[in-house]
C-alpha cells in the first residue's frame, strides 16, 4: 500500500458515523449499510481496490509472497503471486524488480525470474523431467512466479528476503525486462556457463526448455565453492538423469580452483560451435568476452551482468522539488531522486531501478544532479535517470 493510501484509510477508520437503530435485528441490511457507507467515503479508485484485495492496484504492480523456500544456506526461492496488471508471458532469462517496505522505507532490487513463463507452460511438450514436475513454482496454471535470492554481506534487502520476510507479505513489483533471453525455438546446441547465483536466469531457461520439449544438445558448466553451495542441485541432477541431451559439469572452486575459460576447450570440445549464455561474477564474464572475441565468435556469446558500477564518492545532497506537484523534500547525497520522491508521496515512474531500462527518465528543470555510479553531474535542461541520480545542491525535476 502506498503512503497516500495509508493516510486516507486511516481517516476512514477515525471517522465516526451515526449508530443505525435496529441494526441488531436486521444484520443483513446493516451489513449492506456499512458497505454503502464505506464506498461513499471519498477515496481514490486505488483505495477502493485495496479494500477488496491488497493485490488490486491501478497505480502499481503488487504481489504477495506465498512461500520462502530455502535453496542453500544463504539463498532462498520466493514464490510470489502477482496481482492485477502483471504479464506472465515474460521471456526466460529476464529479471523483475521487487520492492519491500522495511522500517518505513521502500527497498528495491532486481532479481532474475527462475520460473517458467506461463506461455511456455501452455505448450505441447509431452515429456517433462521429474524435477520440473515436482516444482510447484514452475507451473503456469497457479499464476505465480519465482525469484531466487542469494544473501550478500552488503545486501540489506537480499539478506532480509532470504532470512526475514514472512509469507503473506505484500510487495511492489516492476514488470519483467532484460535482453538476456532464450529464443524460441532454442539453438541446436547450447552452452550455459554459470557461477554462484548466476545460475538463476539460466534456471528459468532450463525449466522452459523442458516445457517446450527442447532439451536436445545442452552443455552446462556451473561453478560453486562446494557442492552444498549449488542452487537447485537436486533439480539439476534429476534433469541430467532424465534428459540425455543435458550434460552438467559442476566445478567446486574451493577444491578445484576457478575455471579458466582460456582452457574451456578441454571441458567442452565444441564450444566454438555453440550459442553460449554466461552469467556469474564480473571476472568470469570479462574473461569470457576476451576468449570469445579472440576466437572471432563474439556474436555467439550472450552475457548477463548482475553488478552495477560501484558508487562514486558522496556529493552534497540538497532539496529536491517536484515541479508538477509542488512537493519538496531534503535528500542526502546517497539518496536517489526516485527514493526522495517516493518518500514525499510522489508517484515516480520506474522500471529496473538499477539504471538500465530508462523507464524513470525525467527532465532536470533547475539545479544539478549527480550520477551515483560515476559521479558525473548533469546540468539543467537534460533528462536524467531518477533511480541512479542524487541531488547535487537544490534542484527541480519535471514530475
Protein backbone atom coordinates (compact mmCIF):
# COMPACT_ATOMS: atom_id res chain seq x y z
CA UNK A 1 0.00 0.00 0.00
CA UNK A 2 1.32 3.47 -0.83
CA UNK A 3 1.73 6.05 1.91
CA UNK A 4 -1.09 8.10 0.41
CA UNK A 5 -3.46 5.14 0.63
CA UNK A 6 -2.45 4.55 4.25
CA UNK A 7 -3.26 8.11 5.23
CA UNK A 8 -6.65 8.06 3.53
CA UNK A 9 -7.66 4.74 5.04
CA UNK A 10 -6.64 5.97 8.49
CA UNK A 11 -9.13 8.81 8.08
CA UNK A 12 -11.83 6.28 7.22
CA UNK A 13 -11.18 4.39 10.45
CA UNK A 14 -11.23 7.59 12.54
CA UNK A 15 -14.49 8.89 11.04
CA UNK A 16 -17.37 8.49 13.50
CA UNK A 17 -20.69 7.59 11.88
CA UNK A 18 -24.20 7.62 13.42
CA UNK A 19 -25.45 4.46 15.06
CA UNK A 20 -28.06 2.62 12.97
CA UNK A 21 -31.19 1.91 15.02
CA UNK A 22 -32.30 -1.72 14.90
CA UNK A 23 -29.06 -2.97 13.40
CA UNK A 24 -29.04 -5.94 15.77
CA UNK A 25 -32.48 -7.03 14.46
CA UNK A 26 -31.53 -6.88 10.78
CA UNK A 27 -27.85 -7.86 10.49
CA UNK A 28 -28.07 -8.45 6.73
CA UNK A 29 -29.36 -4.97 5.98
CA UNK A 30 -26.89 -3.47 8.41
CA UNK A 31 -24.05 -5.15 6.55
CA UNK A 32 -25.27 -3.55 3.34
CA UNK A 33 -25.49 -0.17 5.03
CA UNK A 34 -21.94 -0.47 6.28
CA UNK A 35 -20.77 -1.38 2.79
CA UNK A 36 -22.63 1.60 1.32
CA UNK A 37 -21.13 3.88 3.95
CA UNK A 38 -17.67 2.71 3.12
CA UNK A 39 -17.97 3.04 -0.65
CA UNK A 40 -19.33 6.59 -0.32
CA UNK A 41 -16.28 7.70 1.65
CA UNK A 42 -14.11 9.89 -0.64
CA UNK A 43 -11.30 7.50 -1.53
CA UNK A 44 -9.15 7.24 -4.63
CA UNK A 45 -10.05 4.41 -7.06
CA UNK A 46 -6.93 2.56 -5.98
CA UNK A 47 -8.09 2.67 -2.36
CA UNK A 48 -11.40 1.04 -3.28
CA UNK A 49 -9.46 -1.75 -4.96
CA UNK A 50 -7.21 -2.21 -1.94
CA UNK A 51 -10.22 -2.55 0.37
CA UNK A 52 -11.30 -5.58 -1.66
CA UNK A 53 -7.88 -7.11 -2.27
CA UNK A 54 -4.40 -5.73 -1.46
CA UNK A 55 -3.12 -7.13 -4.78
CA UNK A 56 -5.52 -4.97 -6.80
CA UNK A 57 -3.99 -1.65 -7.73
CA UNK A 58 -4.46 0.74 -10.63
CA UNK A 59 -1.27 2.61 -9.78
CA UNK A 60 1.37 -0.08 -9.45
CA UNK A 61 2.13 -3.79 -9.73
CA UNK A 62 1.87 -5.69 -6.48
CA UNK A 63 2.41 -9.24 -5.34
CA UNK A 64 2.03 -11.46 -2.28
CA UNK A 65 4.83 -13.73 -1.09
CA UNK A 66 3.30 -17.19 -0.73
CA UNK A 67 6.37 -19.18 0.26
CA UNK A 68 10.05 -18.77 1.08
CA UNK A 69 11.86 -21.98 0.21
CA UNK A 70 15.49 -22.40 1.24
CA UNK A 71 17.83 -23.49 -1.57
CA UNK A 72 21.22 -23.34 0.15
CA UNK A 73 22.46 -21.97 3.46
CA UNK A 74 22.49 -18.43 2.08
CA UNK A 75 19.88 -18.48 -0.68
CA UNK A 76 16.13 -18.95 -0.96
CA UNK A 77 13.39 -19.07 -3.59
CA UNK A 78 10.45 -16.74 -3.12
CA UNK A 79 7.14 -17.86 -4.61
CA UNK A 80 5.14 -14.73 -5.46
CA UNK A 81 1.54 -14.34 -6.60
CA UNK A 82 1.36 -11.15 -8.69
CA UNK A 83 -1.76 -9.00 -8.71
CA UNK A 84 -3.57 -7.11 -11.45
CA UNK A 85 -1.59 -5.98 -14.47
CA UNK A 86 1.25 -8.48 -14.29
CA UNK A 87 2.08 -10.16 -17.61
CA UNK A 88 3.00 -13.82 -17.33
CA UNK A 89 4.38 -14.04 -20.87
CA UNK A 90 7.84 -12.77 -19.91
CA UNK A 91 10.84 -14.34 -21.61
CA UNK A 92 13.02 -16.92 -19.85
CA UNK A 93 16.13 -15.15 -18.57
CA UNK A 94 14.50 -11.81 -17.77
CA UNK A 95 14.61 -10.14 -14.36
CA UNK A 96 11.95 -8.49 -12.20
CA UNK A 97 12.10 -5.63 -9.71
CA UNK A 98 10.79 -6.20 -6.20
CA UNK A 99 10.18 -3.58 -3.52
CA UNK A 100 9.71 -4.30 0.16
CA UNK A 101 8.70 -1.85 2.88
CA UNK A 102 11.28 -2.06 5.67
CA UNK A 103 11.39 0.40 8.57
CA UNK A 104 9.12 2.81 6.71
CA UNK A 105 11.21 2.88 3.54
CA UNK A 106 10.74 1.02 0.27
CA UNK A 107 13.83 -1.03 -0.58
CA UNK A 108 14.23 -2.14 -4.20
CA UNK A 109 16.35 -4.63 -6.09
CA UNK A 110 16.02 -6.59 -9.31
CA UNK A 111 16.34 -10.38 -9.40
CA UNK A 112 16.22 -12.92 -12.21
CA UNK A 113 12.99 -14.85 -12.56
CA UNK A 114 13.60 -18.54 -12.04
CA UNK A 115 10.10 -19.68 -13.01
CA UNK A 116 8.97 -20.63 -16.49
CA UNK A 117 6.67 -18.18 -18.33
CA UNK A 118 3.00 -19.10 -18.49
CA UNK A 119 3.06 -19.14 -22.28
CA UNK A 120 5.78 -21.76 -22.21
CA UNK A 121 3.89 -23.92 -19.73
CA UNK A 122 0.89 -23.90 -22.04
CA UNK A 123 2.92 -25.55 -24.80
CA UNK A 124 2.65 -29.02 -26.23
CA UNK A 125 5.58 -30.70 -24.52
CA UNK A 126 4.64 -34.23 -23.52
CA UNK A 127 7.79 -35.30 -21.71
CA UNK A 128 8.80 -33.49 -18.56
CA UNK A 129 11.56 -34.24 -16.11
CA UNK A 130 10.73 -35.41 -12.60
CA UNK A 131 12.44 -32.29 -11.22
CA UNK A 132 10.24 -29.90 -13.15
CA UNK A 133 7.07 -31.79 -12.27
CA UNK A 134 7.92 -31.65 -8.58
CA UNK A 135 8.47 -27.91 -8.51
CA UNK A 136 5.14 -26.11 -7.89
CA UNK A 137 6.57 -22.71 -8.74
CA UNK A 138 7.15 -23.63 -12.38
CA UNK A 139 3.51 -24.23 -13.17
CA UNK A 140 1.82 -21.61 -15.29
CA UNK A 141 -1.64 -22.60 -14.07
CA UNK A 142 -1.08 -21.40 -10.50
CA UNK A 143 -0.27 -17.88 -11.76
CA UNK A 144 2.80 -17.48 -9.61
CA UNK A 145 6.38 -16.50 -10.35
CA UNK A 146 9.60 -17.19 -8.51
CA UNK A 147 12.83 -15.36 -7.88
CA UNK A 148 15.81 -16.94 -6.16
CA UNK A 149 17.87 -14.64 -3.96
CA UNK A 150 21.36 -15.09 -2.56
CA UNK A 151 22.03 -13.16 0.66
CA UNK A 152 25.00 -10.85 0.13
CA UNK A 153 27.03 -9.43 3.05
CA UNK A 154 26.50 -5.88 1.77
CA UNK A 155 22.95 -6.53 0.57
CA UNK A 156 20.40 -5.31 3.12
CA UNK A 157 17.38 -6.34 1.07
CA UNK A 158 18.76 -9.68 -0.09
CA UNK A 159 19.56 -10.68 3.50
CA UNK A 160 16.04 -9.75 4.58
CA UNK A 161 14.40 -11.62 1.71
CA UNK A 162 16.37 -14.80 2.41
CA UNK A 163 16.11 -14.79 6.18
CA UNK A 164 13.39 -12.46 7.36
CA UNK A 165 10.46 -11.95 5.01
CA UNK A 166 7.25 -13.69 6.05
CA UNK A 167 4.78 -15.46 3.74
CA UNK A 168 1.80 -13.21 3.15
CA UNK A 169 3.91 -10.07 2.83
CA UNK A 170 2.70 -7.66 0.12
CA UNK A 171 5.47 -6.38 -2.15
CA UNK A 172 5.70 -3.98 -5.06
CA UNK A 173 6.79 -5.37 -8.41
CA UNK A 174 8.37 -3.95 -11.54
CA UNK A 175 7.48 -5.57 -14.86
CA UNK A 176 9.89 -8.25 -16.16
CA UNK A 177 12.50 -7.00 -18.60
CA UNK A 178 16.02 -7.67 -19.87
CA UNK A 179 17.75 -8.85 -23.03
CA UNK A 180 19.47 -11.95 -21.62
CA UNK A 181 16.79 -14.23 -23.03
CA UNK A 182 16.41 -17.57 -24.72
CA UNK A 183 14.84 -17.61 -28.21
CA UNK A 184 12.07 -19.96 -29.27
CA UNK A 185 12.97 -22.36 -30.75
CA UNK A 186 16.28 -22.71 -28.94
CA UNK A 187 19.52 -23.08 -30.92
CA UNK A 188 20.50 -26.57 -31.98
CA UNK A 189 23.40 -26.63 -29.48
CA UNK A 190 23.75 -24.54 -26.33
CA UNK A 191 26.43 -23.91 -23.72
CA UNK A 192 25.46 -22.47 -20.35
CA UNK A 193 28.31 -21.01 -18.27
CA UNK A 194 27.18 -20.07 -14.76
CA UNK A 195 28.72 -19.45 -11.37
CA UNK A 196 27.12 -18.88 -7.98
CA UNK A 197 23.80 -17.06 -8.22
CA UNK A 198 24.46 -16.59 -11.94
CA UNK A 199 22.53 -19.81 -12.39
CA UNK A 200 19.21 -18.09 -11.63
CA UNK A 201 18.30 -16.76 -15.11
CA UNK A 202 19.51 -19.99 -16.69
CA UNK A 203 17.18 -21.92 -14.38
CA UNK A 204 14.22 -20.19 -16.00
CA UNK A 205 15.65 -21.13 -19.39
CA UNK A 206 16.11 -24.78 -18.44
CA UNK A 207 12.62 -25.09 -17.00
CA UNK A 208 11.22 -23.51 -20.14
CA UNK A 209 13.20 -25.82 -22.42
CA UNK A 210 11.77 -28.81 -20.56
CA UNK A 211 8.24 -27.50 -21.03
CA UNK A 212 8.90 -26.91 -24.73
CA UNK A 213 10.46 -30.36 -25.08
CA UNK A 214 13.64 -28.73 -26.44
CA UNK A 215 16.30 -30.38 -24.29
CA UNK A 216 18.35 -31.60 -27.25
CA UNK A 217 22.05 -30.70 -27.01
CA UNK A 218 22.88 -28.65 -23.93
CA UNK A 219 26.15 -28.50 -22.02
CA UNK A 220 26.05 -26.71 -18.68
CA UNK A 221 29.21 -25.78 -16.77
CA UNK A 222 28.49 -24.42 -13.29
CA UNK A 223 30.93 -23.23 -10.63
CA UNK A 224 30.28 -23.03 -6.88
CA UNK A 225 32.55 -23.06 -3.81
CA UNK A 226 31.31 -26.51 -2.68
CA UNK A 227 28.63 -28.99 -3.64
CA UNK A 228 26.38 -27.69 -0.86
CA UNK A 229 26.52 -24.22 -2.41
CA UNK A 230 24.96 -25.34 -5.71
CA UNK A 231 21.49 -23.86 -6.06
CA UNK A 232 18.84 -26.25 -7.43
CA UNK A 233 21.30 -29.16 -7.07
CA UNK A 234 18.65 -31.89 -6.87
CA UNK A 235 16.65 -30.48 -9.76
CA UNK A 236 19.73 -30.21 -11.98
CA UNK A 237 20.77 -33.77 -11.14
CA UNK A 238 17.30 -35.09 -12.00
CA UNK A 239 17.31 -33.08 -15.21
CA UNK A 240 20.61 -34.65 -16.26
CA UNK A 241 19.30 -38.13 -15.44
CA UNK A 242 16.00 -37.69 -17.27
CA UNK A 243 17.39 -35.97 -20.38
CA UNK A 244 20.47 -37.41 -22.13
CA UNK A 245 20.69 -34.17 -24.12
CA UNK A 246 21.53 -32.22 -20.96
CA UNK A 247 25.09 -32.62 -19.63
CA UNK A 248 26.03 -30.95 -16.35
CA UNK A 249 29.58 -30.34 -15.13
CA UNK A 250 29.90 -28.83 -11.63
CA UNK A 251 33.23 -27.33 -10.61
CA UNK A 252 33.82 -26.98 -6.86
CA UNK A 253 36.11 -23.99 -6.83
CA UNK A 254 37.23 -24.31 -3.21
CA UNK A 255 38.82 -27.66 -4.02
CA UNK A 256 39.48 -27.36 -7.77
CA UNK A 257 40.15 -23.66 -8.22
CA UNK A 258 38.37 -21.30 -10.58
CA UNK A 259 37.56 -22.34 -14.10
CA UNK A 260 39.99 -20.83 -16.60
CA UNK A 261 37.95 -20.10 -19.70
CA UNK A 262 41.11 -19.99 -21.78
CA UNK A 263 41.05 -23.77 -21.29
CA UNK A 264 37.34 -24.24 -21.95
CA UNK A 265 38.16 -26.47 -24.92
CA UNK A 266 39.42 -29.16 -22.57
CA UNK A 267 35.98 -29.34 -20.98
CA UNK A 268 33.74 -28.53 -23.95
CA UNK A 269 35.44 -29.53 -27.17
CA UNK A 270 32.90 -27.93 -29.49
CA UNK A 271 32.38 -24.69 -27.54
CA UNK A 272 33.03 -22.58 -30.65
CA UNK A 273 30.00 -24.07 -32.41
CA UNK A 274 27.60 -23.46 -29.54
CA UNK A 275 25.45 -20.45 -28.69
CA UNK A 276 26.61 -19.55 -25.18
CA UNK A 277 24.77 -17.88 -22.32
CA UNK A 278 27.04 -16.84 -19.43
CA UNK A 279 26.14 -15.33 -16.08
CA UNK A 280 28.28 -15.01 -13.00
CA UNK A 281 30.99 -12.85 -11.39
CA UNK A 282 32.41 -9.91 -13.30
CA UNK A 283 35.82 -11.55 -13.66
CA UNK A 284 34.37 -14.64 -15.31
CA UNK A 285 32.33 -12.58 -17.76
CA UNK A 286 35.27 -10.35 -18.67
CA UNK A 287 37.38 -13.43 -19.36
CA UNK A 288 34.61 -14.92 -21.49
CA UNK A 289 34.46 -11.76 -23.60
CA UNK A 290 38.19 -11.96 -24.27
CA UNK A 291 38.19 -15.67 -25.14
CA UNK A 292 35.16 -15.49 -27.44
CA UNK A 293 36.46 -12.32 -29.08
CA UNK A 294 39.86 -13.89 -29.73
CA UNK A 295 38.09 -16.82 -31.38
CA UNK A 296 36.13 -14.42 -33.58
CA UNK A 297 32.75 -15.61 -32.30
CA UNK A 298 31.60 -12.76 -30.04
CA UNK A 299 28.19 -12.95 -31.71
CA UNK A 300 27.69 -16.39 -30.10
CA UNK A 301 28.21 -15.12 -26.55
CA UNK A 302 25.33 -13.70 -24.50
CA UNK A 303 26.17 -12.14 -21.13
CA UNK A 304 24.20 -11.09 -18.06
CA UNK A 305 25.94 -8.87 -15.53
CA UNK A 306 24.39 -8.58 -12.08
CA UNK A 307 26.66 -5.98 -10.52
CA UNK A 308 26.44 -2.29 -11.33
CA UNK A 309 29.44 0.03 -11.19
CA UNK A 310 30.48 0.91 -7.63
CA UNK A 311 29.03 4.12 -6.28
CA UNK A 312 31.06 7.27 -6.74
CA UNK A 313 32.20 9.29 -3.68
CA UNK A 314 29.41 11.18 -1.95
CA UNK A 315 28.43 14.66 -3.06
CA UNK A 316 26.47 17.48 -1.45
CA UNK A 317 22.81 16.50 -1.41
CA UNK A 318 20.09 19.16 -1.35
CA UNK A 319 16.38 19.91 -1.54
CA UNK A 320 14.54 18.23 -4.42
CA UNK A 321 11.43 19.99 -5.73
CA UNK A 322 8.91 18.07 -7.83
CA UNK A 323 7.57 20.72 -10.17
CA UNK A 324 4.15 19.32 -11.07
CA UNK A 325 3.05 18.52 -7.53
CA UNK A 326 5.00 21.29 -5.83
CA UNK A 327 6.29 18.85 -3.21
CA UNK A 328 9.75 19.32 -1.77
CA UNK A 329 12.00 17.03 0.23
CA UNK A 330 15.51 17.27 1.64
CA UNK A 331 17.72 14.41 0.43
CA UNK A 332 21.27 13.48 1.31
CA UNK A 333 23.92 12.70 -1.27
CA UNK A 334 23.29 8.95 -1.17
CA UNK A 335 19.50 9.13 -1.73
CA UNK A 336 18.30 8.89 -5.29
CA UNK A 337 15.79 11.38 -6.67
CA UNK A 338 13.40 8.45 -7.10
CA UNK A 339 13.65 7.43 -3.44
CA UNK A 340 13.31 11.06 -2.38
CA UNK A 341 10.16 11.45 -4.47
CA UNK A 342 8.55 8.30 -3.17
CA UNK A 343 9.28 9.34 0.42
CA UNK A 344 7.39 12.56 -0.32
CA UNK A 345 4.41 10.68 -1.78
CA UNK A 346 5.19 11.47 -5.43
CA UNK A 347 4.21 8.73 -7.89
CA UNK A 348 7.57 8.22 -9.60
CA UNK A 349 7.90 6.27 -12.87
CA UNK A 350 10.21 3.28 -12.51
CA UNK A 351 11.37 0.08 -14.11
CA UNK A 352 14.54 -1.77 -13.15
CA UNK A 353 15.63 0.80 -10.51
CA UNK A 354 19.24 -0.02 -11.44
CA UNK A 355 19.98 2.49 -14.20
CA UNK A 356 19.41 0.06 -17.05
CA UNK A 357 15.95 0.40 -18.56
CA UNK A 358 15.45 4.21 -18.86
CA UNK A 359 11.86 3.97 -17.58
CA UNK A 360 12.44 6.61 -14.88
CA UNK A 361 13.86 9.40 -17.05
CA UNK A 362 12.55 12.93 -16.35
CA UNK A 363 13.74 16.44 -17.21
CA UNK A 364 16.00 18.31 -14.80
CA UNK A 365 14.48 21.81 -14.73
CA UNK A 366 16.83 23.58 -12.33
CA UNK A 367 19.96 22.80 -10.38
CA UNK A 368 22.21 19.79 -10.74
CA UNK A 369 22.04 16.07 -10.00
CA UNK A 370 24.86 13.60 -9.75
CA UNK A 371 25.13 10.07 -11.16
CA UNK A 372 25.53 7.78 -8.14
CA UNK A 373 27.63 5.34 -10.20
CA UNK A 374 30.10 7.65 -11.91
CA UNK A 375 29.93 10.95 -10.04
CA UNK A 376 29.10 12.83 -13.25
CA UNK A 377 26.96 15.92 -12.75
CA UNK A 378 24.03 16.72 -15.05
CA UNK A 379 23.01 20.27 -15.95
CA UNK A 380 19.53 21.86 -16.16
CA UNK A 381 17.65 21.03 -19.34
CA UNK A 382 18.97 17.48 -19.54
CA UNK A 383 16.98 14.30 -18.98
CA UNK A 384 18.16 12.23 -16.04
CA UNK A 385 17.54 8.77 -14.63
CA UNK A 386 15.99 9.35 -11.23
CA UNK A 387 16.87 5.90 -9.90
CA UNK A 388 20.63 6.49 -10.09
CA UNK A 389 20.77 10.31 -9.70
CA UNK A 390 21.06 12.24 -6.43
CA UNK A 391 20.72 15.94 -5.70
CA UNK A 392 23.92 17.96 -6.00
CA UNK A 393 22.58 21.04 -4.31
CA UNK A 394 18.97 22.15 -4.59
CA UNK A 395 17.24 21.00 -7.79
CA UNK A 396 13.88 20.85 -9.53
CA UNK A 397 12.63 17.92 -11.64
CA UNK A 398 9.67 17.90 -14.01
CA UNK A 399 7.31 15.48 -12.35
